[in-house]
Protein backbone atom coordinates (compact mmCIF):
# COMPACT_ATOMS: atom_id res chain seq x y z
CA MET A 1 -145.44 -15.14 292.68
CA THR A 2 -143.77 -16.64 295.71
CA LYS A 3 -144.01 -20.24 296.83
CA ALA A 4 -146.37 -19.24 299.66
CA GLU A 5 -148.66 -17.48 297.19
CA LEU A 6 -148.56 -20.52 294.89
CA VAL A 7 -149.45 -22.84 297.77
CA ALA A 8 -152.37 -20.61 298.75
CA GLU A 9 -153.67 -20.43 295.17
CA ILE A 10 -153.41 -24.19 294.61
CA ALA A 11 -155.09 -24.87 297.97
CA LYS A 12 -157.94 -22.53 297.04
CA LYS A 13 -158.46 -23.92 293.51
CA SER A 14 -158.16 -27.60 294.46
CA LYS A 15 -159.96 -27.29 297.80
CA LEU A 16 -156.97 -28.84 299.60
CA SER A 17 -155.50 -27.62 302.84
CA LYS A 18 -152.44 -25.41 302.52
CA ALA A 19 -150.34 -28.17 304.10
CA ASP A 20 -151.53 -30.70 301.48
CA ALA A 21 -150.94 -28.23 298.65
CA GLU A 22 -147.41 -27.52 299.91
CA ARG A 23 -146.65 -31.26 300.13
CA ALA A 24 -147.87 -31.68 296.55
CA ILE A 25 -145.66 -28.84 295.31
CA ASN A 26 -142.65 -30.15 297.25
CA SER A 27 -143.25 -33.63 295.80
CA PHE A 28 -143.38 -32.22 292.28
CA VAL A 29 -140.14 -30.30 292.81
CA ASP A 30 -138.39 -33.41 294.18
CA VAL A 31 -139.53 -35.57 291.25
CA ALA A 32 -138.51 -32.85 288.78
CA LYS A 33 -135.03 -32.61 290.32
CA LYS A 34 -134.51 -36.39 290.20
CA THR A 35 -135.75 -36.57 286.61
CA LEU A 36 -133.56 -33.71 285.40
CA LYS A 37 -130.53 -35.02 287.30
CA LYS A 38 -130.70 -38.13 285.13
CA GLU A 39 -130.46 -35.69 282.20
CA ALA A 40 -133.93 -36.66 281.11
CA ARG A 41 -136.61 -34.28 280.03
CA LEU A 42 -139.75 -33.45 281.91
CA ALA A 43 -142.71 -32.69 279.67
CA LEU A 44 -146.02 -31.38 280.97
CA ALA A 45 -148.63 -31.42 278.20
CA GLY A 46 -150.21 -28.01 277.74
CA PHE A 47 -147.55 -26.31 279.84
CA GLY A 48 -144.05 -26.99 278.54
CA THR A 49 -140.87 -29.02 278.71
CA PHE A 50 -137.88 -28.80 281.03
CA VAL A 51 -134.60 -30.12 279.57
CA VAL A 52 -130.99 -30.22 280.73
CA SER A 53 -128.60 -28.50 278.35
CA LYS A 54 -124.81 -28.43 278.40
CA ARG A 55 -122.83 -25.22 278.15
CA LYS A 56 -119.31 -25.40 276.79
CA ALA A 57 -116.38 -23.84 278.61
CA ARG A 58 -115.81 -20.30 277.44
CA LYS A 59 -113.93 -17.11 278.10
CA GLY A 60 -115.54 -14.27 279.96
CA ARG A 61 -114.56 -10.91 281.33
CA ASN A 62 -114.52 -9.74 284.92
CA PRO A 63 -116.59 -6.53 284.73
CA ARG A 64 -114.81 -4.99 287.69
CA THR A 65 -111.24 -5.43 286.47
CA GLY A 66 -111.70 -6.10 282.76
CA GLU A 67 -109.52 -9.20 283.15
CA THR A 68 -110.25 -12.23 280.93
CA ILE A 69 -111.33 -15.31 282.89
CA LYS A 70 -112.17 -18.92 282.04
CA ILE A 71 -115.74 -20.04 282.67
CA LYS A 72 -116.09 -23.79 283.24
CA ALA A 73 -118.46 -25.99 281.29
CA SER A 74 -121.76 -26.48 283.09
CA LYS A 75 -125.23 -27.93 282.85
CA VAL A 76 -128.31 -25.70 282.90
CA VAL A 77 -132.03 -26.33 282.96
CA ARG A 78 -133.97 -24.80 280.10
CA PHE A 79 -137.72 -24.43 279.74
CA LYS A 80 -139.61 -24.41 276.47
CA ALA A 81 -143.20 -23.25 276.75
CA GLY A 82 -145.85 -25.50 275.23
CA LYS A 83 -148.33 -24.38 272.61
CA ALA A 84 -151.23 -23.93 275.06
CA LEU A 85 -149.11 -21.77 277.37
CA LYS A 86 -147.85 -19.65 274.48
CA GLU A 87 -151.42 -19.03 273.36
CA LYS A 88 -152.43 -17.88 276.86
CA LEU A 89 -149.61 -15.34 276.93
C-alpha cells in the first residue's frame, strides 16, 4: 500500500477529507520520528511497538569483488507486532 492509498483509505473510513487525512498521517510520522530520535519507544496498543536498536560495527563482504569491508555501527528502527495484530495475521 502506498501513502496515497493509505490517505484515501483513512479518509474514507474516518469521513475526513483527503487533505485532513494526509495532515494526520504526516503529523503521526513527524511525532514518531521525534520520539524515536530520542531513542525512546513508541507503543501503539493493539498494533505494536517501534524501538531504536543499536547495531555493532562488523565485517562484511563486497559481493562484487569479494573484498572484506568494515561496516560502521548504526542505529535501526525495529517493529514488534502487538498481540492483536499477530492474531489478525
